[in-house]
Amino acid sequence: MTEVKRLISLDAFRGFTIAAMIMVNNPGSWRHVYEPLLHVKWHGITPTDLIFPFFIFIVGVSIALAYSKRLKAGMPRGPMYRKIIIRSLKIFLVGILLWLFPKFDLENIRYAGVLQRIAIVFFASAFLFLNTRWKTQAVIAAILLIGYWLAMVLIPTPGYGQPMLEPGANLAAFIDSKFLPGYMWQKTWDPEGILSTFPAIATGITGLLAGHIVLSKLSAERKVIYLFSFGLFAFMIGYMWNYIFPINKNIWTSSFVMVTSGLAAMILAVSMFFVDMRGHTRFTKSGIVFGSNAIAVYVLADVWGQFFYNIKYFGSSLNVHFMNMFESAGWSLKFGSFLFAFLFICFNYIPAWILYKKKIFIKL
């Protein structure tokens, strides 16, 4: 592997992904949302369903780039292992704290969640990168995806006598109901549950594999070609797999992993070509600002959300006042809901920009 200069395209990709995550999580009203800004109810995919796997893919790429530099500098593995464990625990615990904030109902802790899954994927992917070669990582990802597929479609769901892939009636949901402690997002199962975390780790590994391409000794042009080809190949596999194992974010199916990782790799390849190779950086600044403190900004947005949604000002919360204004004027409520989300992003950009300008980078 060879050392590469910092990828502006990857930093911007990370930041825009976090901004998109904040936007879809904070509409003016959940009753009035444009369809592309909602998760699909079960099988299928929308633009919103791409956001979380894109971020996990980026985590994998970032691990490859960051830890390859440390290995090349001769850093001992022991301190790296300790930092990986500590960082994973911090991200996991922050995820739990966000769920508890502000009421801190300790009887209903949600141990599963977005940050918790990111923590687990980061932990597994980082240890794999430090201890295995890319071929081994590819084999492990394949085993995870094929094994998960076979388990979900061949093992009868207890209580039904046959394999099921319905909401709450599938092997992943059954395992959550039996073994996942605490509160679950869907009452008896969780979309970030136990079994579906294994293919999510495979998503992180696809990011590692993309990182290996970026780190290779290939020319910049060939890196882009190989990365785009890798993405297209993964997307095609996922698209075909969809016919026997439907694309589904809720249970993070193997086809979902391949389609979303393929799209992420192709987007990164195109971004590298235009941003890093051709120097078109004009529209990347806001993404870089968000991306430089991605998880910190995500956490801050969740905290700010309490002031926008749960605290009443003159009888109603800010989002309700905003939507009432649109309704009184006879304007589109879906557009009002979208505009509120966009303004919420802009609001969160302010602290992100301050941190960036002061060169403060919070690493959870």
Protein backbone atom coordinates (compact mmCIF):
# COMPACT_ATOMS: atom_id res chain seq x y z
CA MET A 1 0.00 0.00 0.00
CA THR A 2 1.02 3.57 -0.54
CA GLU A 3 0.21 6.68 1.45
CA VAL A 4 -2.28 9.05 -0.19
CA LYS A 5 -2.99 12.66 0.54
CA ARG A 6 -6.21 13.47 2.35
CA LEU A 7 -9.24 12.96 0.14
CA ILE A 8 -11.37 16.09 0.04
CA SER A 9 -14.05 14.05 -1.71
CA LEU A 10 -14.29 11.60 1.21
CA ASP A 11 -14.50 14.39 3.81
CA ALA A 12 -17.26 16.09 1.82
CA PHE A 13 -19.08 12.78 1.25
CA ARG A 14 -19.05 12.15 5.01
CA GLY A 15 -20.34 15.64 5.77
CA PHE A 16 -23.14 15.62 3.22
CA THR A 17 -24.19 12.20 4.48
CA ILE A 18 -24.45 13.49 8.06
CA ALA A 19 -26.37 16.57 6.84
CA ALA A 20 -28.79 14.29 5.01
CA MET A 21 -29.17 12.16 8.12
CA ILE A 22 -30.03 15.22 10.19
CA MET A 23 -32.51 16.43 7.57
CA VAL A 24 -34.53 13.20 7.29
CA ASN A 25 -34.61 12.87 11.09
CA ASN A 26 -36.02 16.37 11.64
CA PRO A 27 -38.98 17.27 9.42
CA GLY A 28 -41.41 19.97 10.43
CA SER A 29 -44.09 17.33 10.76
CA TRP A 30 -43.93 13.56 10.28
CA ARG A 31 -47.44 13.72 8.80
CA HIS A 32 -46.24 15.85 5.90
CA VAL A 33 -43.04 14.50 4.36
CA TYR A 34 -42.05 14.00 0.73
CA GLU A 35 -41.88 10.27 -0.04
CA PRO A 36 -38.13 10.22 -0.92
CA LEU A 37 -37.41 11.63 2.55
CA LEU A 38 -39.05 8.67 4.29
CA HIS A 39 -37.74 5.18 4.86
CA VAL A 40 -39.52 2.51 2.86
CA LYS A 41 -41.94 0.62 5.09
CA TRP A 42 -40.49 -2.81 4.33
CA HIS A 43 -39.04 -4.23 1.11
CA GLY A 44 -37.58 -1.70 -1.32
CA ILE A 45 -35.40 1.38 -1.03
CA THR A 46 -35.67 5.17 -1.02
CA PRO A 47 -32.93 7.83 -1.02
CA THR A 48 -33.35 8.05 2.76
CA ASP A 49 -32.49 4.36 3.11
CA LEU A 50 -29.09 5.04 1.54
CA ILE A 51 -27.88 7.43 4.22
CA PHE A 52 -27.01 5.07 7.08
CA PRO A 53 -25.20 2.43 4.95
CA PHE A 54 -23.34 5.21 3.14
CA PHE A 55 -22.01 6.46 6.47
CA ILE A 56 -20.94 2.97 7.55
CA PHE A 57 -19.21 2.49 4.17
CA ILE A 58 -17.38 5.79 4.76
CA VAL A 59 -16.35 4.55 8.22
CA GLY A 60 -14.71 1.57 6.54
CA VAL A 61 -12.85 3.72 4.00
CA SER A 62 -11.72 6.09 6.75
CA ILE A 63 -10.37 3.21 8.85
CA ALA A 64 -8.27 2.00 5.93
CA LEU A 65 -6.81 5.44 5.28
CA ALA A 66 -6.19 6.37 8.92
CA TYR A 67 -4.73 3.11 10.19
CA SER A 68 -2.56 2.50 7.14
CA LYS A 69 -0.75 5.76 8.01
CA ARG A 70 -0.25 4.61 11.58
CA LEU A 71 1.06 1.23 10.51
CA LYS A 72 3.42 2.86 8.04
CA ALA A 73 4.69 5.18 10.79
CA GLY A 74 5.55 2.12 12.86
CA MET A 75 3.01 2.71 15.61
CA PRO A 76 2.71 -0.33 17.94
CA ARG A 77 -0.55 -2.23 17.60
CA GLY A 78 -1.19 -2.34 21.35
CA PRO A 79 -1.97 1.40 21.72
CA MET A 80 -4.05 1.24 18.55
CA TYR A 81 -6.11 -1.63 19.95
CA ARG A 82 -6.72 0.31 23.16
CA LYS A 83 -7.82 3.41 21.25
CA ILE A 84 -10.16 1.35 19.07
CA ILE A 85 -11.79 -0.22 22.13
CA ILE A 86 -12.09 3.11 23.96
CA ARG A 87 -13.50 4.91 20.93
CA SER A 88 -16.00 2.13 20.26
CA LEU A 89 -17.19 2.22 23.87
CA LYS A 90 -17.52 6.03 23.81
CA ILE A 91 -19.62 6.02 20.63
CA PHE A 92 -21.78 3.20 22.01
CA LEU A 93 -22.35 4.95 25.34
CA VAL A 94 -23.12 8.29 23.66
CA GLY A 95 -25.78 6.47 21.63
CA ILE A 96 -27.38 5.22 24.84
CA LEU A 97 -27.14 8.66 26.47
CA LEU A 98 -28.85 10.27 23.48
CA TRP A 99 -31.70 7.81 23.84
CA LEU A 100 -32.02 8.57 27.56
CA PHE A 101 -31.82 12.38 27.14
CA PRO A 102 -33.58 14.33 28.60
CA LYS A 103 -35.77 12.11 30.83
CA PHE A 104 -33.16 9.45 31.67
CA ASP A 105 -35.71 6.68 32.07
CA LEU A 106 -33.28 3.93 33.09
CA GLU A 107 -36.01 1.28 32.93
CA ASN A 108 -36.33 1.71 29.17
CA ILE A 109 -32.79 1.88 27.84
CA ARG A 110 -32.43 1.19 24.12
CA TYR A 111 -29.19 -0.72 23.73
CA ALA A 112 -29.56 -0.91 19.95
CA GLY A 113 -29.39 2.25 17.83
CA VAL A 114 -27.59 4.15 15.09
CA LEU A 115 -24.51 5.15 17.09
CA GLN A 116 -24.40 1.77 18.79
CA ARG A 117 -24.30 0.04 15.40
CA ILE A 118 -21.63 2.44 14.16
CA ALA A 119 -19.56 1.62 17.26
CA ILE A 120 -19.80 -2.13 16.68
CA VAL A 121 -19.00 -1.85 12.98
CA PHE A 122 -16.06 0.45 13.69
CA PHE A 123 -14.69 -1.97 16.29
CA ALA A 124 -14.97 -5.03 14.04
CA SER A 125 -13.73 -3.30 10.89
CA ALA A 126 -10.73 -1.68 12.59
CA PHE A 127 -9.58 -4.96 14.13
CA LEU A 128 -10.02 -6.75 10.80
CA PHE A 129 -7.99 -4.10 8.99
CA LEU A 130 -5.12 -4.34 11.45
CA ASN A 131 -4.97 -8.14 11.43
CA THR A 132 -6.01 -9.35 7.96
CA ARG A 133 -5.28 -8.72 4.31
CA TRP A 134 -7.87 -7.51 1.85
CA LYS A 135 -8.54 -10.99 0.47
CA THR A 136 -9.36 -12.28 3.94
CA GLN A 137 -11.59 -9.28 4.56
CA ALA A 138 -13.44 -9.97 1.30
CA VAL A 139 -13.93 -13.61 2.27
CA ILE A 140 -15.24 -12.64 5.72
CA ALA A 141 -17.71 -10.18 4.15
CA ALA A 142 -18.89 -12.89 1.74
CA ILE A 143 -19.32 -15.39 4.58
CA LEU A 144 -21.32 -12.84 6.61
CA LEU A 145 -23.60 -11.97 3.70
CA ILE A 146 -24.15 -15.49 2.39
CA GLY A 147 -24.50 -16.93 5.89
CA TYR A 148 -27.05 -14.28 6.85
CA TRP A 149 -29.01 -14.87 3.65
CA LEU A 150 -29.13 -18.65 4.15
CA ALA A 151 -30.10 -18.28 7.80
CA MET A 152 -32.92 -15.86 7.03
CA VAL A 153 -34.41 -17.85 4.13
CA LEU A 154 -33.79 -21.43 5.26
CA ILE A 155 -34.22 -21.50 9.05
CA PRO A 156 -37.91 -21.67 9.99
CA THR A 157 -39.02 -18.74 12.09
CA PRO A 158 -39.99 -20.16 15.52
CA GLY A 159 -43.74 -20.09 15.93
CA TYR A 160 -44.44 -20.04 12.18
CA GLY A 161 -43.01 -23.36 11.05
CA GLN A 162 -41.39 -21.87 7.94
CA PRO A 163 -38.84 -19.18 7.03
CA MET A 164 -40.44 -15.72 7.09
CA LEU A 165 -39.35 -12.27 5.94
CA GLU A 166 -42.28 -10.26 7.24
CA PRO A 167 -42.20 -7.36 9.75
CA GLY A 168 -41.73 -8.84 13.21
CA ALA A 169 -42.01 -12.36 11.78
CA ASN A 170 -38.49 -13.34 10.77
CA LEU A 171 -35.42 -14.90 12.35
CA ALA A 172 -33.78 -11.55 13.14
CA ALA A 173 -36.91 -10.33 14.93
CA PHE A 174 -37.18 -13.59 16.87
CA ILE A 175 -33.57 -13.34 18.08
CA ASP A 176 -34.18 -9.72 19.17
CA SER A 177 -37.30 -10.74 21.07
CA LYS A 178 -35.37 -13.43 22.93
CA PHE A 179 -31.95 -11.94 23.47
CA LEU A 180 -31.95 -8.15 22.97
CA PRO A 181 -32.39 -6.42 26.34
CA GLY A 182 -34.07 -3.10 26.97
CA TYR A 183 -36.41 -1.08 24.82
CA MET A 184 -36.76 -2.01 21.14
CA TRP A 185 -37.70 0.46 18.41
CA GLN A 186 -40.47 -1.80 17.07
CA LYS A 187 -41.49 -3.02 20.55
CA THR A 188 -40.57 -6.70 19.91
CA TRP A 189 -37.64 -6.19 17.52
CA ASP A 190 -35.22 -3.50 16.46
CA PRO A 191 -33.94 -2.45 13.00
CA GLU A 192 -30.48 -2.14 14.61
CA GLY A 193 -30.88 -5.49 16.33
CA ILE A 194 -28.50 -8.37 16.97
CA LEU A 195 -28.56 -10.55 13.85
CA SER A 196 -28.80 -7.71 11.32
CA THR A 197 -25.64 -6.16 12.76
CA PHE A 198 -23.57 -8.92 11.11
CA PRO A 199 -24.37 -7.83 7.53
CA ALA A 200 -23.88 -4.23 8.70
CA ILE A 201 -20.31 -5.24 9.57
CA ALA A 202 -20.04 -6.47 5.99
CA THR A 203 -21.00 -2.96 4.87
CA GLY A 204 -18.06 -1.65 6.88
CA ILE A 205 -15.80 -4.23 5.23
CA THR A 206 -16.85 -3.07 1.76
CA GLY A 207 -15.58 0.34 2.85
CA LEU A 208 -12.28 -1.28 3.86
CA LEU A 209 -12.02 -2.89 0.42
CA ALA A 210 -12.67 0.46 -1.24
CA GLY A 211 -9.98 1.92 1.00
CA HIS A 212 -7.52 -0.71 -0.21
CA ILE A 213 -8.13 0.46 -3.77
CA VAL A 214 -7.51 4.08 -2.76
CA LEU A 215 -4.31 3.04 -0.98
CA SER A 216 -2.99 0.94 -3.86
CA LYS A 217 -0.06 1.94 -6.05
CA LEU A 218 -2.34 2.41 -9.05
CA SER A 219 -2.44 5.76 -10.82
CA ALA A 220 -5.20 8.16 -9.76
CA GLU A 221 -7.12 7.44 -12.97
CA ARG A 222 -6.97 3.68 -12.45
CA LYS A 223 -8.02 4.02 -8.82
CA VAL A 224 -11.17 5.80 -9.95
CA ILE A 225 -11.83 3.20 -12.64
CA TYR A 226 -11.27 0.27 -10.27
CA LEU A 227 -13.36 1.84 -7.51
CA PHE A 228 -16.24 2.61 -9.88
CA SER A 229 -16.03 -0.90 -11.37
CA PHE A 230 -16.02 -2.42 -7.87
CA GLY A 231 -19.11 -0.39 -7.04
CA LEU A 232 -20.92 -1.28 -10.24
CA PHE A 233 -20.14 -4.98 -9.75
CA ALA A 234 -21.43 -4.88 -6.16
CA PHE A 235 -24.56 -3.00 -7.23
CA MET A 236 -25.33 -5.56 -9.94
CA ILE A 237 -24.89 -8.46 -7.52
CA GLY A 238 -27.20 -6.76 -5.03
CA TYR A 239 -29.78 -6.00 -7.71
CA MET A 240 -29.87 -9.64 -8.81
CA TRP A 241 -29.83 -10.90 -5.21
CA ASN A 242 -32.90 -8.76 -4.56
CA TYR A 243 -35.05 -11.25 -6.49
CA ILE A 244 -34.45 -14.01 -3.93
CA PHE A 245 -33.54 -11.92 -0.86
CA PRO A 246 -35.33 -8.56 -1.12
CA ILE A 247 -33.57 -5.25 -0.49
CA ASN A 248 -34.63 -4.28 3.01
CA LYS A 249 -33.02 -1.78 5.38
CA ASN A 250 -35.02 -2.88 8.43
CA ILE A 251 -33.35 -6.29 8.45
CA TRP A 252 -30.23 -5.08 6.54
CA THR A 253 -30.45 -7.81 3.93
CA SER A 254 -27.42 -8.95 1.96
CA SER A 255 -28.85 -7.45 -1.23
CA PHE A 256 -29.26 -4.15 0.62
CA VAL A 257 -25.58 -4.26 1.60
CA MET A 258 -24.41 -4.87 -1.96
CA VAL A 259 -26.66 -2.27 -3.60
CA THR A 260 -25.88 0.50 -1.10
CA SER A 261 -22.14 -0.26 -0.92
CA GLY A 262 -22.02 -0.34 -4.72
CA LEU A 263 -23.71 3.04 -4.98
CA ALA A 264 -21.43 4.49 -2.27
CA ALA A 265 -18.31 3.24 -4.09
CA MET A 266 -19.49 4.71 -7.40
CA ILE A 267 -20.31 8.05 -5.78
CA LEU A 268 -16.90 8.13 -4.11
CA ALA A 269 -15.19 7.29 -7.41
CA VAL A 270 -17.00 10.06 -9.27
CA SER A 271 -16.29 12.49 -6.42
CA MET A 272 -12.59 11.60 -6.44
CA PHE A 273 -12.46 12.24 -10.17
CA PHE A 274 -14.08 15.67 -10.08
CA VAL A 275 -12.92 16.91 -6.67
CA ASP A 276 -9.50 15.39 -6.02
CA MET A 277 -8.28 14.96 -9.59
CA ARG A 278 -9.93 17.85 -11.39
CA GLY A 279 -9.94 20.24 -8.43
CA HIS A 280 -13.65 21.14 -8.47
CA THR A 281 -13.89 21.90 -4.74
CA ARG A 282 -16.22 24.89 -4.87
CA PHE A 283 -19.27 23.04 -3.58
CA THR A 284 -17.49 20.83 -1.07
CA LYS A 285 -16.88 23.33 1.75
CA SER A 286 -20.15 22.82 3.62
CA GLY A 287 -19.70 19.05 3.42
CA ILE A 288 -16.16 19.32 4.77
CA VAL A 289 -17.37 21.51 7.65
CA PHE A 290 -19.98 18.93 8.65
CA GLY A 291 -17.66 16.01 7.96
CA SER A 292 -14.78 17.28 10.10
CA ASN A 293 -16.91 16.69 13.24
CA ALA A 294 -19.47 14.29 11.80
CA ILE A 295 -20.55 12.29 14.86
CA ALA A 296 -20.27 15.30 17.17
CA VAL A 297 -22.57 17.29 14.88
CA TYR A 298 -25.02 14.37 14.73
CA VAL A 299 -25.09 14.23 18.53
CA LEU A 300 -25.48 18.01 18.82
CA ALA A 301 -28.38 17.96 16.33
CA ASP A 302 -30.13 15.33 18.44
CA VAL A 303 -29.72 17.50 21.54
CA TRP A 304 -30.91 20.64 19.74
CA GLY A 305 -33.92 18.67 18.57
CA GLN A 306 -35.26 18.67 22.12
CA PHE A 307 -35.50 22.48 22.01
CA PHE A 308 -37.17 22.48 18.59
CA TYR A 309 -39.65 19.65 19.12
CA ASN A 310 -40.28 18.97 22.80
CA ILE A 311 -40.21 22.33 24.57
CA LYS A 312 -43.29 24.54 24.25
CA TYR A 313 -42.98 28.24 23.50
CA PHE A 314 -46.28 30.16 23.84
CA GLY A 315 -48.24 26.92 23.90
CA SER A 316 -46.54 24.93 21.14
CA SER A 317 -43.12 23.70 20.05
CA LEU A 318 -41.16 25.55 17.37
CA ASN A 319 -41.91 23.00 14.66
CA VAL A 320 -45.64 23.22 15.38
CA HIS A 321 -45.56 27.04 15.20
CA PHE A 322 -43.69 26.79 11.90
CA MET A 323 -46.16 24.32 10.39
CA ASN A 324 -49.15 26.33 11.65
CA MET A 325 -47.77 29.36 9.81
CA PHE A 326 -47.67 27.40 6.55
CA GLU A 327 -51.15 25.99 7.12
CA SER A 328 -52.60 29.45 7.85
CA ALA A 329 -51.06 30.82 4.66
CA GLY A 330 -52.42 27.92 2.61
CA TRP A 331 -48.94 26.85 1.51
CA SER A 332 -47.79 23.30 0.88
CA LEU A 333 -47.36 21.53 4.21
CA LYS A 334 -44.89 19.05 2.72
CA PHE A 335 -42.75 21.92 1.50
CA GLY A 336 -43.05 23.57 4.92
CA SER A 337 -41.92 20.36 6.59
CA PHE A 338 -38.96 20.13 4.19
CA LEU A 339 -38.05 23.80 4.72
CA PHE A 340 -38.06 23.34 8.49
CA ALA A 341 -35.65 20.40 8.13
CA PHE A 342 -33.42 22.46 5.84
CA LEU A 343 -33.36 25.39 8.28
CA PHE A 344 -32.56 22.95 11.07
CA ILE A 345 -29.52 21.81 9.08
CA CYS A 346 -28.47 25.44 8.62
CA PHE A 347 -28.83 26.01 12.36
CA ASN A 348 -26.54 23.07 13.08
CA TYR A 349 -24.07 24.31 10.50
CA ILE A 350 -23.25 27.27 12.76
CA PRO A 351 -21.57 25.30 15.59
CA ALA A 352 -20.02 22.96 13.01
CA TRP A 353 -18.48 25.95 11.23
CA ILE A 354 -17.20 27.44 14.51
CA LEU A 355 -15.51 24.15 15.43
CA TYR A 356 -14.01 23.90 11.95
CA LYS A 357 -12.69 27.49 11.94
CA LYS A 358 -11.12 27.04 15.36
CA LYS A 359 -9.61 23.72 14.21
CA ILE A 360 -11.41 21.83 16.96
CA PHE A 361 -12.01 18.25 15.89
CA ILE A 362 -13.97 16.20 18.39
CA LYS A 363 -13.12 12.52 18.10
CA LEU A 364 -15.56 10.39 20.03
